[in-house]
């Protein structure tokens, strides 16, 4: 691994923040590029994420299409016609989610579960100033990822059964969580400085 996990996670977060400022055609281009890259490097993760969020993506587009005031896109449908402005806004939000999911698939493909936790553990360092234990946060995150992975492995499970399982008590196999925290290299420090300046630019502009 060439780049520190915390920096990889920070890069993904800044990508999502920067994406909110793009216009529609820039979003369309970026979504195409990210989907292509993700399909090449992390196809399994991408398919899994899209399959799990397909109804959310569809619902988002439908809600925007029918809940946004504006002109009817298909006047012959009358009151049942989607709204033109809603379709445009919904498509823009859909593209943002696709970029987020495609880049997240790459991140999950490049980082193992322990590397992901180690990266977030490093980012949780400022929580000490608030009196929050980042060790406890890391353990809770590890358990959440563990149960999320178990849930995603289940196939042909009805949503009511999946919801019922969430509230059922589970036996926890208590094992030590051995996190390997990589040191920041010179490349990591340069990248961290670049990310800081980029984040500062997003805030000030």
Protein backbone atom coordinates (compact mmCIF):
# COMPACT_ATOMS: atom_id res chain seq x y z
CA UNK A 1 0.00 0.00 0.00
CA UNK A 2 1.58 3.23 -1.14
CA UNK A 3 -0.74 5.78 0.45
CA UNK A 4 -1.79 5.96 4.10
CA UNK A 5 -5.38 4.68 4.62
CA UNK A 6 -6.41 7.90 6.38
CA UNK A 7 -5.38 9.90 3.32
CA UNK A 8 -7.27 7.58 0.98
CA UNK A 9 -10.42 8.04 3.07
CA UNK A 10 -9.86 11.81 3.22
CA UNK A 11 -9.45 11.92 -0.55
CA UNK A 12 -12.79 10.15 -0.99
CA UNK A 13 -14.50 12.60 1.38
CA UNK A 14 -13.07 15.62 -0.42
CA UNK A 15 -14.08 14.14 -3.76
CA UNK A 16 -17.68 13.95 -2.56
CA UNK A 17 -17.52 17.52 -1.25
CA UNK A 18 -15.99 18.88 -4.47
CA UNK A 19 -18.53 17.02 -6.57
CA UNK A 20 -21.37 19.07 -5.06
CA UNK A 21 -20.09 22.12 -6.94
CA UNK A 22 -20.00 20.61 -10.42
CA UNK A 23 -22.54 21.46 -13.09
CA UNK A 24 -24.68 18.82 -14.77
CA UNK A 25 -22.42 18.05 -17.72
CA UNK A 26 -19.32 17.90 -15.52
CA UNK A 27 -21.19 15.48 -13.27
CA UNK A 28 -22.18 13.39 -16.27
CA UNK A 29 -18.58 13.20 -17.47
CA UNK A 30 -17.25 12.44 -13.99
CA UNK A 31 -19.85 9.73 -13.41
CA UNK A 32 -18.87 8.05 -16.68
CA UNK A 33 -15.16 8.19 -15.83
CA UNK A 34 -15.61 6.93 -12.26
CA UNK A 35 -17.92 4.10 -13.31
CA UNK A 36 -15.44 3.01 -15.96
CA UNK A 37 -12.50 3.07 -13.52
CA UNK A 38 -14.52 1.33 -10.83
CA UNK A 39 -15.74 -1.34 -13.23
CA UNK A 40 -12.13 -2.03 -14.21
CA UNK A 41 -10.52 -2.05 -10.77
CA UNK A 42 -13.42 -2.96 -8.44
CA UNK A 43 -16.18 -4.57 -10.48
CA UNK A 44 -17.36 -6.91 -7.71
CA UNK A 45 -17.62 -4.12 -5.15
CA UNK A 46 -19.36 -1.83 -7.63
CA UNK A 47 -21.97 -4.42 -8.60
CA UNK A 48 -22.61 -5.20 -4.95
CA UNK A 49 -23.07 -1.55 -4.01
CA UNK A 50 -25.34 -0.82 -6.97
CA UNK A 51 -27.42 -3.91 -6.28
CA UNK A 52 -27.86 -2.93 -2.64
CA UNK A 53 -28.83 0.67 -3.44
CA UNK A 54 -30.83 0.19 -6.64
CA UNK A 55 -34.19 0.97 -5.00
CA UNK A 56 -32.77 4.03 -3.28
CA UNK A 57 -31.45 5.35 -6.60
CA UNK A 58 -34.77 4.71 -8.33
CA UNK A 59 -36.80 6.21 -5.48
CA UNK A 60 -34.63 9.33 -5.49
CA UNK A 61 -35.29 9.96 -9.17
CA UNK A 62 -39.03 9.33 -8.82
CA UNK A 63 -39.35 11.63 -5.79
CA UNK A 64 -37.56 14.48 -7.56
CA UNK A 65 -39.55 13.89 -10.76
CA UNK A 66 -42.93 14.15 -9.05
CA UNK A 67 -42.30 16.35 -6.00
CA UNK A 68 -40.49 19.26 -7.67
CA UNK A 69 -42.64 22.13 -8.98
CA UNK A 70 -42.24 22.94 -12.65
CA UNK A 71 -43.43 22.14 -16.16
CA UNK A 72 -44.75 18.72 -17.12
CA UNK A 73 -42.26 16.66 -19.11
CA UNK A 74 -45.06 14.59 -20.72
CA UNK A 75 -48.16 16.80 -20.96
CA UNK A 76 -50.24 13.98 -22.46
CA UNK A 77 -50.10 12.19 -19.07
CA UNK A 78 -51.73 15.11 -17.30
CA UNK A 79 -51.38 14.96 -13.52
CA UNK A 80 -49.33 11.76 -13.81
CA UNK A 81 -46.62 13.44 -15.83
CA UNK A 82 -43.16 13.82 -14.24
CA UNK A 83 -41.82 17.36 -13.95
CA UNK A 84 -39.05 18.46 -16.30
CA UNK A 85 -37.13 20.37 -13.64
CA UNK A 86 -37.55 17.46 -11.24
CA UNK A 87 -36.10 15.03 -13.76
CA UNK A 88 -33.09 17.31 -14.24
CA UNK A 89 -32.49 17.74 -10.50
CA UNK A 90 -33.12 14.06 -9.83
CA UNK A 91 -30.70 13.01 -12.54
CA UNK A 92 -28.05 15.34 -11.11
CA UNK A 93 -28.49 13.82 -7.64
CA UNK A 94 -28.40 10.35 -9.17
CA UNK A 95 -25.11 11.13 -10.88
CA UNK A 96 -23.65 12.37 -7.58
CA UNK A 97 -24.62 9.13 -5.88
CA UNK A 98 -23.16 7.08 -8.72
CA UNK A 99 -19.85 8.92 -8.41
CA UNK A 100 -19.89 8.39 -4.64
CA UNK A 101 -20.66 4.68 -4.99
CA UNK A 102 -18.12 4.11 -7.77
CA UNK A 103 -15.33 5.84 -5.83
CA UNK A 104 -16.38 4.04 -2.64
CA UNK A 105 -16.13 0.70 -4.48
CA UNK A 106 -12.53 1.53 -5.40
CA UNK A 107 -11.77 2.53 -1.81
CA UNK A 108 -13.24 -0.70 -0.42
CA UNK A 109 -11.36 -2.74 -2.99
CA UNK A 110 -8.02 -1.14 -2.14
CA UNK A 111 -8.42 -1.21 1.65
CA UNK A 112 -9.02 -4.28 3.75
CA UNK A 113 -11.35 -4.06 6.71
CA UNK A 114 -8.46 -3.59 9.16
CA UNK A 115 -6.85 -0.98 6.93
CA UNK A 116 -10.15 0.89 6.73
CA UNK A 117 -10.51 0.82 10.50
CA UNK A 118 -6.88 1.89 10.93
CA UNK A 119 -7.44 4.83 8.60
CA UNK A 120 -10.56 5.96 10.45
CA UNK A 121 -8.78 5.40 13.76
CA UNK A 122 -6.13 7.87 12.63
CA UNK A 123 -8.79 10.36 11.56
CA UNK A 124 -10.51 9.98 14.92
CA UNK A 125 -7.48 11.44 16.73
CA UNK A 126 -9.10 14.92 17.24
CA UNK A 127 -11.90 13.21 19.22
CA UNK A 128 -9.51 13.04 22.17
CA UNK A 129 -9.94 16.80 22.57
CA UNK A 130 -13.66 16.15 23.17
CA UNK A 131 -13.02 13.36 25.62
CA UNK A 132 -14.21 10.65 23.22
CA UNK A 133 -12.31 7.38 23.10
CA UNK A 134 -11.25 6.63 19.54
CA UNK A 135 -10.44 3.06 20.61
CA UNK A 136 -14.11 2.55 21.47
CA UNK A 137 -15.12 4.11 18.15
CA UNK A 138 -12.79 1.73 16.31
CA UNK A 139 -14.27 -1.29 18.10
CA UNK A 140 -17.84 -0.21 17.35
CA UNK A 141 -16.90 0.36 13.73
CA UNK A 142 -15.30 -3.09 13.52
CA UNK A 143 -18.47 -4.70 14.86
CA UNK A 144 -20.64 -2.69 12.48
CA UNK A 145 -18.56 -3.72 9.47
CA UNK A 146 -18.59 -7.33 10.66
CA UNK A 147 -22.39 -7.52 10.88
CA UNK A 148 -22.81 -5.54 7.65
CA UNK A 149 -20.61 -8.07 5.87
CA UNK A 150 -22.64 -10.96 7.29
CA UNK A 151 -25.86 -9.30 6.15
CA UNK A 152 -24.55 -8.74 2.63
CA UNK A 153 -23.58 -12.41 2.35
CA UNK A 154 -27.17 -13.51 2.93
CA UNK A 155 -29.00 -14.08 -0.30
CA UNK A 156 -32.73 -14.30 -1.00
CA UNK A 157 -33.55 -12.89 2.43
CA UNK A 158 -36.86 -11.05 2.77
CA UNK A 159 -36.53 -7.50 4.03
CA UNK A 160 -38.75 -8.26 7.04
CA UNK A 161 -36.48 -11.13 8.04
CA UNK A 162 -33.40 -8.95 7.64
CA UNK A 163 -35.00 -6.24 9.79
CA UNK A 164 -35.94 -8.81 12.43
CA UNK A 165 -32.36 -10.11 12.54
CA UNK A 166 -31.07 -6.64 13.36
CA UNK A 167 -32.92 -6.67 16.69
CA UNK A 168 -32.05 -10.23 17.61
CA UNK A 169 -29.19 -10.77 20.10
CA UNK A 170 -25.97 -12.04 18.51
CA UNK A 171 -23.15 -14.03 19.93
CA UNK A 172 -19.93 -12.07 19.67
CA UNK A 173 -16.67 -13.89 19.10
CA UNK A 174 -14.36 -11.78 21.25
CA UNK A 175 -11.01 -11.55 19.55
CA UNK A 176 -8.29 -8.91 19.88
CA UNK A 177 -8.38 -6.20 17.25
CA UNK A 178 -4.81 -5.81 16.08
CA UNK A 179 -4.52 -2.60 14.10
CA UNK A 180 -1.33 -1.91 12.19
CA UNK A 181 -0.94 1.85 11.97
CA UNK A 182 1.41 2.68 9.09
CA UNK A 183 3.72 5.61 9.42
CA UNK A 184 3.35 8.71 7.29
CA UNK A 185 5.91 8.73 4.50
CA UNK A 186 7.19 11.84 2.75
CA UNK A 187 4.72 11.15 -0.05
CA UNK A 188 1.91 10.91 2.49
CA UNK A 189 2.92 14.22 4.08
CA UNK A 190 2.97 15.97 0.70
CA UNK A 191 -0.42 14.51 -0.14
CA UNK A 192 -1.80 15.54 3.25
CA UNK A 193 -0.65 19.11 2.62
CA UNK A 194 -2.27 19.07 -0.81
CA UNK A 195 -5.55 17.74 0.61
CA UNK A 196 -5.49 20.41 3.32
CA UNK A 197 -5.01 23.19 0.79
CA UNK A 198 -7.72 21.71 -1.43
CA UNK A 199 -10.15 21.52 1.51
CA UNK A 200 -9.28 25.09 2.46
CA UNK A 201 -9.99 26.18 -1.09
CA UNK A 202 -13.40 24.49 -0.99
CA UNK A 203 -14.25 26.28 2.25
CA UNK A 204 -13.09 29.73 1.13
CA UNK A 205 -14.62 29.67 -2.36
